[in-house]
Amino acid sequence: MSNKEKFPFQKINYIIMIAGVLVLCLGFIIMTLDTEPYGFGFAGLTLGPLTVLAGFIIEFFAIFYQPKESK
């Protein structure tokens, strides 16, 4: 069994996962920066949640991405 077969993901998968986590964190930070009361402004209701959704989509892509085998 080679070293590549021991891990469920390859290096690119982990890089994409880290990017997804960073986008998720950015989305939550955007939601906290809303200046409207109770977060009812554009950043709290629209921009932040869309950024969080994008982060989850990136995570989904990172889990199912299978790089082409180089020969």
N, C-alpha and C. Protein backbone atom coordinates (compact mmCIF):
# COMPACT_ATOMS: atom_id res chain seq x y z
N MET A 1 0.84 -1.17 0.00
CA MET A 1 0.00 0.00 0.00
C MET A 1 0.90 1.24 0.00
N SER A 2 0.72 2.09 -0.95
CA SER A 2 1.56 3.28 -1.04
C SER A 2 1.04 4.36 -0.09
N ASN A 3 1.84 5.41 0.08
CA ASN A 3 1.49 6.50 0.98
C ASN A 3 0.24 7.25 0.50
N LYS A 4 0.02 7.36 -0.80
CA LYS A 4 -1.14 8.06 -1.33
C LYS A 4 -2.45 7.34 -1.01
N GLU A 5 -2.40 6.04 -0.85
CA GLU A 5 -3.61 5.26 -0.61
C GLU A 5 -4.04 5.29 0.86
N LYS A 6 -3.22 5.80 1.76
CA LYS A 6 -3.54 5.81 3.18
C LYS A 6 -4.48 6.94 3.55
N PHE A 7 -4.45 8.04 2.83
CA PHE A 7 -5.26 9.19 3.16
C PHE A 7 -6.49 9.26 2.26
N PRO A 8 -7.63 9.65 2.82
CA PRO A 8 -8.84 9.71 2.00
C PRO A 8 -8.82 10.87 1.00
N PHE A 9 -8.06 11.93 1.30
CA PHE A 9 -8.00 13.10 0.43
C PHE A 9 -6.56 13.37 0.05
N GLN A 10 -6.41 14.11 -1.04
CA GLN A 10 -5.07 14.52 -1.46
C GLN A 10 -4.82 15.95 -1.00
N LYS A 11 -3.62 16.44 -1.27
CA LYS A 11 -3.22 17.77 -0.79
C LYS A 11 -4.16 18.86 -1.30
N ILE A 12 -4.58 18.78 -2.56
CA ILE A 12 -5.45 19.81 -3.12
C ILE A 12 -6.80 19.85 -2.41
N ASN A 13 -7.29 18.69 -1.97
CA ASN A 13 -8.56 18.65 -1.22
C ASN A 13 -8.44 19.43 0.08
N TYR A 14 -7.32 19.25 0.78
CA TYR A 14 -7.13 19.95 2.05
C TYR A 14 -6.96 21.46 1.83
N ILE A 15 -6.32 21.84 0.74
CA ILE A 15 -6.16 23.26 0.43
C ILE A 15 -7.52 23.89 0.16
N ILE A 16 -8.36 23.19 -0.60
CA ILE A 16 -9.71 23.71 -0.88
C ILE A 16 -10.53 23.76 0.40
N MET A 17 -10.37 22.77 1.28
CA MET A 17 -11.10 22.78 2.55
C MET A 17 -10.70 23.97 3.42
N ILE A 18 -9.42 24.27 3.46
CA ILE A 18 -8.95 25.42 4.24
C ILE A 18 -9.53 26.71 3.66
N ALA A 19 -9.57 26.80 2.33
CA ALA A 19 -10.16 27.98 1.70
C ALA A 19 -11.64 28.10 2.07
N GLY A 20 -12.34 26.98 2.10
CA GLY A 20 -13.75 27.00 2.48
C GLY A 20 -13.96 27.45 3.91
N VAL A 21 -13.11 26.99 4.82
CA VAL A 21 -13.22 27.40 6.22
C VAL A 21 -12.95 28.90 6.35
N LEU A 22 -11.98 29.40 5.60
CA LEU A 22 -11.69 30.84 5.64
C LEU A 22 -12.87 31.65 5.12
N VAL A 23 -13.53 31.18 4.06
CA VAL A 23 -14.71 31.88 3.53
C VAL A 23 -15.85 31.82 4.55
N LEU A 24 -16.02 30.69 5.22
CA LEU A 24 -17.03 30.59 6.28
C LEU A 24 -16.77 31.60 7.39
N CYS A 25 -15.54 31.67 7.84
CA CYS A 25 -15.18 32.63 8.89
C CYS A 25 -15.41 34.06 8.43
N LEU A 26 -15.06 34.35 7.19
CA LEU A 26 -15.29 35.68 6.64
C LEU A 26 -16.77 36.02 6.65
N GLY A 27 -17.61 35.07 6.29
CA GLY A 27 -19.05 35.30 6.29
C GLY A 27 -19.59 35.62 7.68
N PHE A 28 -19.12 34.89 8.69
CA PHE A 28 -19.57 35.17 10.05
C PHE A 28 -19.04 36.51 10.54
N ILE A 29 -17.83 36.86 10.15
CA ILE A 29 -17.28 38.16 10.52
C ILE A 29 -18.09 39.28 9.86
N ILE A 30 -18.46 39.10 8.60
CA ILE A 30 -19.28 40.10 7.91
C ILE A 30 -20.61 40.29 8.63
N MET A 31 -21.21 39.20 9.08
CA MET A 31 -22.49 39.31 9.80
C MET A 31 -22.33 40.07 11.11
N THR A 32 -21.20 39.93 11.79
CA THR A 32 -21.02 40.63 13.06
C THR A 32 -20.71 42.11 12.86
N LEU A 33 -20.24 42.49 11.69
CA LEU A 33 -19.89 43.89 11.43
C LEU A 33 -21.08 44.75 11.04
N ASP A 34 -22.26 44.18 10.94
CA ASP A 34 -23.44 44.94 10.56
C ASP A 34 -23.75 45.97 11.64
N THR A 35 -23.98 47.22 11.23
CA THR A 35 -24.21 48.31 12.18
C THR A 35 -25.68 48.50 12.53
N GLU A 36 -26.57 47.86 11.80
CA GLU A 36 -28.00 47.99 12.10
C GLU A 36 -28.35 47.24 13.38
N PRO A 37 -29.42 47.66 14.07
CA PRO A 37 -29.81 46.94 15.29
C PRO A 37 -30.18 45.48 15.00
N TYR A 38 -29.69 44.60 15.84
CA TYR A 38 -29.95 43.15 15.74
C TYR A 38 -29.48 42.55 14.41
N GLY A 39 -28.61 43.21 13.70
CA GLY A 39 -28.08 42.68 12.45
C GLY A 39 -29.05 42.65 11.30
N PHE A 40 -30.02 43.58 11.29
CA PHE A 40 -31.04 43.59 10.25
C PHE A 40 -30.67 44.43 9.03
N GLY A 41 -29.40 44.72 8.83
CA GLY A 41 -28.96 45.48 7.66
C GLY A 41 -28.58 44.55 6.52
N PHE A 42 -28.04 45.14 5.46
CA PHE A 42 -27.64 44.37 4.28
C PHE A 42 -26.57 43.32 4.61
N ALA A 43 -25.59 43.72 5.42
CA ALA A 43 -24.49 42.80 5.73
C ALA A 43 -24.96 41.63 6.59
N GLY A 44 -25.88 41.89 7.51
CA GLY A 44 -26.33 40.84 8.41
C GLY A 44 -27.35 39.90 7.81
N LEU A 45 -28.16 40.41 6.87
CA LEU A 45 -29.23 39.58 6.31
C LEU A 45 -28.93 39.03 4.92
N THR A 46 -28.03 39.66 4.19
CA THR A 46 -27.81 39.24 2.80
C THR A 46 -26.36 38.84 2.53
N LEU A 47 -25.45 39.78 2.71
CA LEU A 47 -24.05 39.54 2.33
C LEU A 47 -23.39 38.45 3.17
N GLY A 48 -23.55 38.51 4.47
CA GLY A 48 -22.94 37.51 5.36
C GLY A 48 -23.46 36.10 5.10
N PRO A 49 -24.79 35.90 5.10
CA PRO A 49 -25.30 34.55 4.83
C PRO A 49 -24.93 34.01 3.45
N LEU A 50 -24.88 34.87 2.45
CA LEU A 50 -24.47 34.39 1.12
C LEU A 50 -23.00 33.97 1.12
N THR A 51 -22.18 34.68 1.87
CA THR A 51 -20.77 34.31 1.99
C THR A 51 -20.62 32.99 2.73
N VAL A 52 -21.41 32.79 3.78
CA VAL A 52 -21.38 31.51 4.51
C VAL A 52 -21.85 30.38 3.60
N LEU A 53 -22.89 30.61 2.83
CA LEU A 53 -23.37 29.61 1.88
C LEU A 53 -22.28 29.26 0.86
N ALA A 54 -21.58 30.27 0.37
CA ALA A 54 -20.47 30.02 -0.56
C ALA A 54 -19.39 29.17 0.10
N GLY A 55 -19.12 29.41 1.38
CA GLY A 55 -18.14 28.61 2.11
C GLY A 55 -18.55 27.15 2.21
N PHE A 56 -19.85 26.91 2.46
CA PHE A 56 -20.32 25.52 2.52
C PHE A 56 -20.27 24.85 1.15
N ILE A 57 -20.54 25.60 0.10
CA ILE A 57 -20.43 25.05 -1.27
C ILE A 57 -18.99 24.68 -1.57
N ILE A 58 -18.05 25.53 -1.15
CA ILE A 58 -16.63 25.22 -1.35
C ILE A 58 -16.24 23.96 -0.58
N GLU A 59 -16.74 23.82 0.64
CA GLU A 59 -16.46 22.61 1.42
C GLU A 59 -17.03 21.36 0.75
N PHE A 60 -18.24 21.47 0.24
CA PHE A 60 -18.86 20.35 -0.48
C PHE A 60 -18.01 19.96 -1.68
N PHE A 61 -17.55 20.96 -2.43
CA PHE A 61 -16.69 20.71 -3.59
C PHE A 61 -15.38 20.06 -3.17
N ALA A 62 -14.80 20.51 -2.05
CA ALA A 62 -13.52 19.96 -1.60
C ALA A 62 -13.65 18.49 -1.22
N ILE A 63 -14.78 18.11 -0.66
CA ILE A 63 -14.97 16.72 -0.25
C ILE A 63 -15.12 15.80 -1.47
N PHE A 64 -15.83 16.25 -2.48
CA PHE A 64 -16.11 15.39 -3.62
C PHE A 64 -15.14 15.56 -4.79
N TYR A 65 -14.19 16.48 -4.69
CA TYR A 65 -13.23 16.69 -5.78
C TYR A 65 -12.23 15.55 -5.84
N GLN A 66 -12.08 14.98 -7.03
CA GLN A 66 -11.09 13.92 -7.24
C GLN A 66 -10.14 14.38 -8.35
N PRO A 67 -8.91 14.73 -7.98
CA PRO A 67 -7.96 15.17 -8.99
C PRO A 67 -7.63 14.06 -9.98
N LYS A 68 -7.34 14.45 -11.20
CA LYS A 68 -6.97 13.47 -12.22
C LYS A 68 -5.62 12.86 -11.87
N GLU A 69 -5.50 11.59 -12.08
CA GLU A 69 -4.24 10.88 -11.80
C GLU A 69 -3.19 11.27 -12.83
N SER A 70 -2.03 11.70 -12.38
CA SER A 70 -0.93 12.01 -13.29
C SER A 70 -0.09 10.76 -13.51
N LYS A 71 0.17 10.46 -14.76
CA LYS A 71 0.93 9.23 -15.08
C LYS A 71 2.37 9.54 -15.34
